[in-house]
């Protein structure tokens, strides 16, 4: 179920591999979830939000990743760099910064144990549609 919930929100050219899901014994109702995201050259995720309970730590394992969280600045993070996303954050940019080399990201979530839909794409309004 974790694999299905995670991969729905990701784009072509990226592979999401769940590597761990463990309840946190001394924090009832919370779990630690770790995923590895492999981006092909030039690939990226659509704009998305994560589970409302999710605190996320991201670590760039290799390559370079362009990222923007909420209204913060766009930044290019390189291997060894890290970032975090607070609960309820909007991740509007998440992509490989290189068009020629792959990139790899480790994402670690602290999330309510019942949350399985960890990533949800943000639907863009259709042209001509009314709010």
N, C-alpha and C. Protein backbone atom coordinates (compact mmCIF):
# COMPACT_ATOMS: atom_id res chain seq x y z
N UNK A 1 0.81 -1.19 0.00
CA UNK A 1 0.00 0.00 0.00
C UNK A 1 0.86 1.26 0.00
N UNK A 2 1.97 1.25 0.71
CA UNK A 2 2.87 2.40 0.73
C UNK A 2 3.38 2.70 -0.66
N UNK A 3 3.79 1.69 -1.40
CA UNK A 3 4.31 1.91 -2.75
C UNK A 3 3.27 2.58 -3.63
N UNK A 4 2.04 2.07 -3.62
CA UNK A 4 0.98 2.64 -4.44
C UNK A 4 0.70 4.08 -4.05
N UNK A 5 0.59 4.35 -2.77
CA UNK A 5 0.26 5.69 -2.31
C UNK A 5 1.34 6.68 -2.69
N UNK A 6 2.57 6.28 -2.69
CA UNK A 6 3.67 7.18 -2.98
C UNK A 6 3.82 7.41 -4.47
N UNK A 7 3.75 6.37 -5.28
CA UNK A 7 4.06 6.52 -6.69
C UNK A 7 2.98 7.23 -7.49
N UNK A 8 1.76 7.33 -7.00
CA UNK A 8 0.71 8.04 -7.74
C UNK A 8 1.08 9.47 -8.06
N UNK A 9 1.78 10.15 -7.20
CA UNK A 9 2.03 11.57 -7.36
C UNK A 9 3.33 11.89 -8.09
N UNK A 10 4.04 10.89 -8.53
CA UNK A 10 5.34 11.15 -9.13
C UNK A 10 5.28 11.09 -10.65
N UNK A 11 6.22 11.78 -11.27
CA UNK A 11 6.22 11.91 -12.72
C UNK A 11 7.10 10.89 -13.40
N UNK A 12 7.06 10.95 -14.74
CA UNK A 12 7.90 10.08 -15.55
C UNK A 12 9.36 10.44 -15.31
N UNK A 13 10.22 9.45 -15.36
CA UNK A 13 11.64 9.70 -15.18
C UNK A 13 12.10 9.71 -13.75
N UNK A 14 11.21 9.35 -12.84
CA UNK A 14 11.63 9.22 -11.45
C UNK A 14 11.12 7.89 -10.90
N UNK A 15 11.93 7.33 -10.03
CA UNK A 15 11.59 6.05 -9.41
C UNK A 15 11.61 6.25 -7.90
N UNK A 16 10.51 5.89 -7.25
CA UNK A 16 10.40 6.03 -5.80
C UNK A 16 10.44 4.64 -5.18
N UNK A 17 11.40 4.41 -4.29
CA UNK A 17 11.57 3.11 -3.65
C UNK A 17 11.39 3.25 -2.15
N UNK A 18 10.31 2.69 -1.59
CA UNK A 18 10.17 2.68 -0.13
C UNK A 18 11.25 1.78 0.46
N UNK A 19 11.96 2.29 1.49
CA UNK A 19 13.02 1.49 2.09
C UNK A 19 12.76 1.14 3.55
N UNK A 20 11.80 1.87 4.19
CA UNK A 20 11.51 1.55 5.58
C UNK A 20 10.21 2.20 6.01
N UNK A 21 9.45 1.51 6.82
CA UNK A 21 8.30 2.08 7.52
C UNK A 21 8.29 1.43 8.89
N UNK A 22 8.42 2.25 9.94
CA UNK A 22 8.52 1.73 11.30
C UNK A 22 7.76 2.64 12.26
N UNK A 23 6.87 2.04 13.06
CA UNK A 23 6.22 2.83 14.10
C UNK A 23 7.28 3.27 15.10
N UNK A 24 7.12 4.48 15.65
CA UNK A 24 8.06 5.01 16.63
C UNK A 24 7.53 4.62 18.01
N UNK A 25 8.24 3.73 18.67
CA UNK A 25 7.76 3.11 19.92
C UNK A 25 7.44 4.13 21.02
N UNK A 26 8.24 5.17 21.13
CA UNK A 26 8.03 6.11 22.23
C UNK A 26 7.20 7.34 21.83
N UNK A 27 6.65 7.32 20.60
CA UNK A 27 5.73 8.38 20.17
C UNK A 27 4.50 7.68 19.58
N UNK A 28 3.54 7.31 20.43
CA UNK A 28 2.37 6.58 19.96
C UNK A 28 1.67 7.30 18.80
N UNK A 29 1.31 6.52 17.78
CA UNK A 29 0.58 7.06 16.64
C UNK A 29 1.46 7.65 15.56
N UNK A 30 2.78 7.64 15.73
CA UNK A 30 3.70 8.20 14.74
C UNK A 30 4.58 7.10 14.15
N UNK A 31 4.93 7.28 12.87
CA UNK A 31 5.81 6.34 12.18
C UNK A 31 6.91 7.10 11.46
N UNK A 32 8.00 6.40 11.22
CA UNK A 32 9.12 6.90 10.43
C UNK A 32 9.06 6.16 9.10
N UNK A 33 9.05 6.91 7.99
CA UNK A 33 8.99 6.32 6.66
C UNK A 33 10.16 6.88 5.86
N UNK A 34 10.92 6.01 5.21
CA UNK A 34 12.04 6.45 4.38
C UNK A 34 11.84 5.99 2.95
N UNK A 35 12.11 6.88 2.01
CA UNK A 35 11.98 6.61 0.58
C UNK A 35 13.23 7.08 -0.13
N UNK A 36 13.61 6.39 -1.18
CA UNK A 36 14.68 6.86 -2.06
C UNK A 36 14.03 7.27 -3.37
N UNK A 37 14.33 8.49 -3.82
CA UNK A 37 13.80 8.99 -5.09
C UNK A 37 14.98 9.12 -6.05
N UNK A 38 14.91 8.35 -7.14
CA UNK A 38 15.92 8.43 -8.20
C UNK A 38 15.33 9.24 -9.35
N UNK A 39 16.00 10.34 -9.71
CA UNK A 39 15.57 11.18 -10.83
C UNK A 39 16.47 10.93 -12.03
N UNK A 40 15.87 10.63 -13.16
CA UNK A 40 16.62 10.55 -14.41
C UNK A 40 17.04 11.98 -14.78
N UNK A 41 18.02 12.12 -15.68
CA UNK A 41 18.41 13.46 -16.11
C UNK A 41 17.18 14.25 -16.60
N UNK A 42 17.03 15.47 -16.07
CA UNK A 42 15.94 16.35 -16.47
C UNK A 42 14.57 16.02 -15.90
N UNK A 43 14.43 14.95 -15.14
CA UNK A 43 13.11 14.53 -14.62
C UNK A 43 12.75 15.28 -13.35
N UNK A 44 11.45 15.29 -13.04
CA UNK A 44 11.00 15.95 -11.84
C UNK A 44 9.63 15.47 -11.42
N UNK A 45 9.22 15.90 -10.25
CA UNK A 45 7.90 15.58 -9.70
C UNK A 45 6.95 16.72 -10.04
N UNK A 46 5.67 16.40 -10.24
CA UNK A 46 4.70 17.49 -10.35
C UNK A 46 4.58 18.20 -9.00
N UNK A 47 4.08 19.44 -9.00
CA UNK A 47 3.85 20.14 -7.74
C UNK A 47 2.98 19.26 -6.86
N UNK A 48 3.30 19.22 -5.55
CA UNK A 48 2.58 18.32 -4.67
C UNK A 48 2.59 18.80 -3.23
N UNK A 49 1.72 18.17 -2.45
CA UNK A 49 1.71 18.33 -1.00
C UNK A 49 1.87 16.94 -0.41
N UNK A 50 2.30 16.90 0.82
CA UNK A 50 2.45 15.63 1.52
C UNK A 50 1.36 15.52 2.59
N UNK A 51 1.26 14.36 3.19
CA UNK A 51 0.28 14.15 4.27
C UNK A 51 0.37 15.31 5.26
N UNK A 52 -0.78 15.77 5.73
CA UNK A 52 -0.80 16.95 6.62
C UNK A 52 0.00 16.75 7.90
N UNK A 53 0.22 15.51 8.30
CA UNK A 53 0.98 15.25 9.53
C UNK A 53 2.48 15.14 9.27
N UNK A 54 2.90 15.15 8.01
CA UNK A 54 4.28 14.80 7.64
C UNK A 54 5.28 15.92 7.89
N UNK A 55 6.27 15.64 8.70
CA UNK A 55 7.49 16.44 8.81
C UNK A 55 8.51 15.68 7.97
N UNK A 56 9.16 16.35 7.03
CA UNK A 56 10.03 15.65 6.07
C UNK A 56 11.44 16.22 6.12
N UNK A 57 12.40 15.31 6.17
CA UNK A 57 13.82 15.64 6.06
C UNK A 57 14.28 15.05 4.73
N UNK A 58 14.88 15.88 3.88
CA UNK A 58 15.42 15.41 2.60
C UNK A 58 16.92 15.53 2.58
N UNK A 59 17.58 14.52 2.01
CA UNK A 59 19.04 14.50 1.92
C UNK A 59 19.41 14.12 0.49
N UNK A 60 20.20 14.95 -0.18
CA UNK A 60 20.63 14.66 -1.54
C UNK A 60 21.81 13.69 -1.48
N UNK A 61 21.57 12.48 -1.98
CA UNK A 61 22.59 11.42 -1.94
C UNK A 61 23.60 11.62 -3.06
N UNK A 62 23.10 11.95 -4.26
CA UNK A 62 24.00 12.17 -5.40
C UNK A 62 23.34 13.12 -6.40
N UNK A 63 24.17 13.79 -7.18
CA UNK A 63 23.67 14.72 -8.17
C UNK A 63 23.26 16.04 -7.54
N UNK A 64 22.33 16.72 -8.21
CA UNK A 64 21.83 18.02 -7.75
C UNK A 64 20.33 18.08 -7.98
N UNK A 65 19.61 18.63 -7.01
CA UNK A 65 18.16 18.69 -7.08
C UNK A 65 17.72 20.14 -6.87
N UNK A 66 16.85 20.62 -7.77
CA UNK A 66 16.26 21.94 -7.62
C UNK A 66 14.98 21.77 -6.81
N UNK A 67 14.79 22.64 -5.82
CA UNK A 67 13.66 22.50 -4.91
C UNK A 67 13.10 23.86 -4.53
N UNK A 68 11.78 23.90 -4.34
CA UNK A 68 11.12 25.08 -3.77
C UNK A 68 9.99 24.58 -2.89
N UNK A 69 9.99 25.03 -1.64
CA UNK A 69 8.97 24.66 -0.67
C UNK A 69 8.22 25.92 -0.26
N UNK A 70 6.87 25.84 -0.33
CA UNK A 70 6.01 26.99 -0.04
C UNK A 70 6.46 28.18 -0.87
N UNK A 71 6.54 29.35 -0.28
CA UNK A 71 6.95 30.55 -1.02
C UNK A 71 8.43 30.84 -0.85
N UNK A 72 9.18 29.86 -0.36
CA UNK A 72 10.62 30.04 -0.18
C UNK A 72 11.33 30.14 -1.52
N UNK A 73 12.62 30.43 -1.47
CA UNK A 73 13.39 30.58 -2.71
C UNK A 73 13.60 29.23 -3.40
N UNK A 74 13.71 29.26 -4.72
CA UNK A 74 14.15 28.07 -5.44
C UNK A 74 15.63 27.91 -5.11
N UNK A 75 16.03 26.67 -4.86
CA UNK A 75 17.43 26.44 -4.54
C UNK A 75 17.90 25.15 -5.20
N UNK A 76 19.18 25.10 -5.49
CA UNK A 76 19.78 23.89 -6.02
C UNK A 76 20.59 23.27 -4.90
N UNK A 77 20.22 22.04 -4.54
CA UNK A 77 20.88 21.30 -3.47
C UNK A 77 21.75 20.23 -4.11
N UNK A 78 22.97 20.10 -3.63
CA UNK A 78 23.92 19.14 -4.18
C UNK A 78 24.15 18.00 -3.19
N UNK A 79 24.80 16.95 -3.67
CA UNK A 79 25.10 15.79 -2.82
C UNK A 79 25.66 16.26 -1.48
N UNK A 80 25.06 15.76 -0.39
CA UNK A 80 25.46 16.14 0.96
C UNK A 80 24.61 17.23 1.57
N UNK A 81 23.84 17.96 0.75
CA UNK A 81 22.95 19.00 1.26
C UNK A 81 21.65 18.38 1.76
N UNK A 82 20.97 19.09 2.66
CA UNK A 82 19.70 18.61 3.17
C UNK A 82 18.72 19.76 3.31
N UNK A 83 17.45 19.42 3.48
CA UNK A 83 16.39 20.41 3.66
C UNK A 83 15.27 19.76 4.46
N UNK A 84 14.30 20.55 4.87
CA UNK A 84 13.13 19.99 5.54
C UNK A 84 11.88 20.65 4.99
N UNK A 85 10.78 19.96 5.18
CA UNK A 85 9.46 20.49 4.84
C UNK A 85 8.59 20.35 6.08
N UNK A 86 7.98 21.45 6.52
CA UNK A 86 7.09 21.36 7.67
C UNK A 86 5.76 20.72 7.26
N UNK A 87 4.99 20.23 8.22
CA UNK A 87 3.69 19.66 7.90
C UNK A 87 2.83 20.64 7.10
N UNK A 88 2.14 20.12 6.08
CA UNK A 88 1.25 20.93 5.27
C UNK A 88 1.93 21.76 4.20
N UNK A 89 3.24 21.59 4.02
CA UNK A 89 3.97 22.39 3.04
C UNK A 89 3.59 22.01 1.61
N UNK A 90 3.72 22.98 0.72
CA UNK A 90 3.52 22.78 -0.72
C UNK A 90 4.91 22.69 -1.35
N UNK A 91 5.18 21.60 -2.05
CA UNK A 91 6.47 21.41 -2.72
C UNK A 91 6.23 21.69 -4.21
N UNK A 92 6.41 22.96 -4.60
CA UNK A 92 6.07 23.36 -5.96
C UNK A 92 7.13 22.98 -6.98
N UNK A 93 8.40 22.85 -6.56
CA UNK A 93 9.47 22.43 -7.47
C UNK A 93 10.28 21.33 -6.79
N UNK A 94 10.44 20.22 -7.49
CA UNK A 94 11.28 19.12 -7.03
C UNK A 94 11.73 18.38 -8.28
N UNK A 95 12.97 18.62 -8.69
CA UNK A 95 13.44 18.00 -9.93
C UNK A 95 14.96 17.92 -9.97
N UNK A 96 15.42 17.06 -10.86
CA UNK A 96 16.84 16.94 -11.12
C UNK A 96 17.31 18.25 -11.75
N UNK A 97 18.34 18.85 -11.20
CA UNK A 97 18.86 20.11 -11.74
C UNK A 97 19.72 19.90 -12.98
N UNK A 98 20.06 18.65 -13.28
CA UNK A 98 20.90 18.35 -14.43
C UNK A 98 20.10 17.66 -15.54
N UNK A 99 20.37 18.03 -16.75
CA UNK A 99 19.75 17.37 -17.90
C UNK A 99 20.62 16.22 -18.42
N UNK A 100 21.80 16.02 -17.81
CA UNK A 100 22.71 14.99 -18.30
C UNK A 100 23.10 13.93 -17.27
N UNK A 101 22.89 14.19 -15.99
CA UNK A 101 23.28 13.24 -14.94
C UNK A 101 22.10 12.91 -14.04
N UNK A 102 22.03 11.68 -13.53
CA UNK A 102 20.95 11.33 -12.60
C UNK A 102 21.18 11.98 -11.23
N UNK A 103 20.13 11.97 -10.42
CA UNK A 103 20.21 12.48 -9.05
C UNK A 103 19.43 11.54 -8.14
N UNK A 104 19.82 11.50 -6.87
CA UNK A 104 19.18 10.61 -5.90
C UNK A 104 18.93 11.37 -4.60
N UNK A 105 17.72 11.20 -4.06
CA UNK A 105 17.29 11.87 -2.85
C UNK A 105 16.77 10.86 -1.85
N UNK A 106 17.15 11.01 -0.59
CA UNK A 106 16.56 10.23 0.50
C UNK A 106 15.56 11.14 1.20
N UNK A 107 14.30 10.70 1.29
CA UNK A 107 13.26 11.46 1.98
C UNK A 107 12.82 10.67 3.20
N UNK A 108 12.90 11.29 4.37
CA UNK A 108 12.52 10.65 5.62
C UNK A 108 11.33 11.42 6.20
N UNK A 109 10.23 10.71 6.41
CA UNK A 109 8.99 11.30 6.91
C UNK A 109 8.78 10.88 8.36
N UNK A 110 8.34 11.80 9.21
CA UNK A 110 7.74 11.47 10.49
C UNK A 110 6.27 11.83 10.28
N UNK A 111 5.40 10.81 10.38
CA UNK A 111 4.03 10.96 9.93
C UNK A 111 3.08 10.20 10.85
N UNK A 112 1.81 10.62 10.88
CA UNK A 112 0.82 9.83 11.61
C UNK A 112 0.80 8.43 11.03
N UNK A 113 0.80 7.43 11.87
CA UNK A 113 0.88 6.03 11.42
C UNK A 113 -0.23 5.65 10.45
N UNK A 114 -1.39 6.25 10.56
CA UNK A 114 -2.50 5.92 9.67
C UNK A 114 -2.42 6.57 8.31
N UNK A 115 -1.52 7.53 8.12
CA UNK A 115 -1.40 8.19 6.81
C UNK A 115 -0.68 7.28 5.83
N UNK A 116 -1.36 6.94 4.74
CA UNK A 116 -0.73 6.11 3.71
C UNK A 116 -0.54 6.88 2.42
N UNK A 117 -1.39 7.87 2.14
CA UNK A 117 -1.21 8.71 0.95
C UNK A 117 -0.21 9.79 1.32
N UNK A 118 1.07 9.52 1.12
CA UNK A 118 2.12 10.44 1.55
C UNK A 118 2.32 11.61 0.62
N UNK A 119 2.03 11.44 -0.67
CA UNK A 119 2.26 12.49 -1.66
C UNK A 119 1.02 12.62 -2.55
N UNK A 120 0.51 13.85 -2.69
CA UNK A 120 -0.67 14.11 -3.50
C UNK A 120 -0.35 15.23 -4.48
N UNK A 121 -0.53 15.00 -5.80
CA UNK A 121 -0.26 16.06 -6.76
C UNK A 121 -1.26 17.21 -6.60
N UNK A 122 -0.80 18.41 -6.92
CA UNK A 122 -1.67 19.58 -6.90
C UNK A 122 -2.21 19.74 -8.31
N UNK A 123 -3.51 19.71 -8.43
CA UNK A 123 -4.15 19.85 -9.73
C UNK A 123 -4.11 21.31 -10.17
N UNK A 124 -3.62 21.54 -11.38
CA UNK A 124 -3.62 22.90 -11.93
C UNK A 124 -5.00 23.22 -12.44
N UNK A 125 -5.46 24.47 -12.26
CA UNK A 125 -6.77 24.82 -12.79
C UNK A 125 -6.76 24.72 -14.31
N UNK A 126 -7.85 24.27 -14.87
CA UNK A 126 -7.97 24.15 -16.32
C UNK A 126 -8.23 25.53 -16.89
N UNK A 127 -7.66 25.81 -18.06
CA UNK A 127 -7.88 27.09 -18.70
C UNK A 127 -9.36 27.33 -18.91
N UNK A 128 -9.78 28.54 -18.60
CA UNK A 128 -11.17 28.89 -18.81
C UNK A 128 -12.09 28.42 -17.71
N UNK A 129 -11.58 27.67 -16.74
CA UNK A 129 -12.43 27.21 -15.66
C UNK A 129 -12.59 28.30 -14.62
N UNK A 130 -13.67 28.21 -13.89
CA UNK A 130 -13.93 29.19 -12.83
C UNK A 130 -13.70 28.54 -11.48
N UNK A 131 -13.19 29.33 -10.52
CA UNK A 131 -12.96 28.75 -9.18
C UNK A 131 -14.24 28.36 -8.50
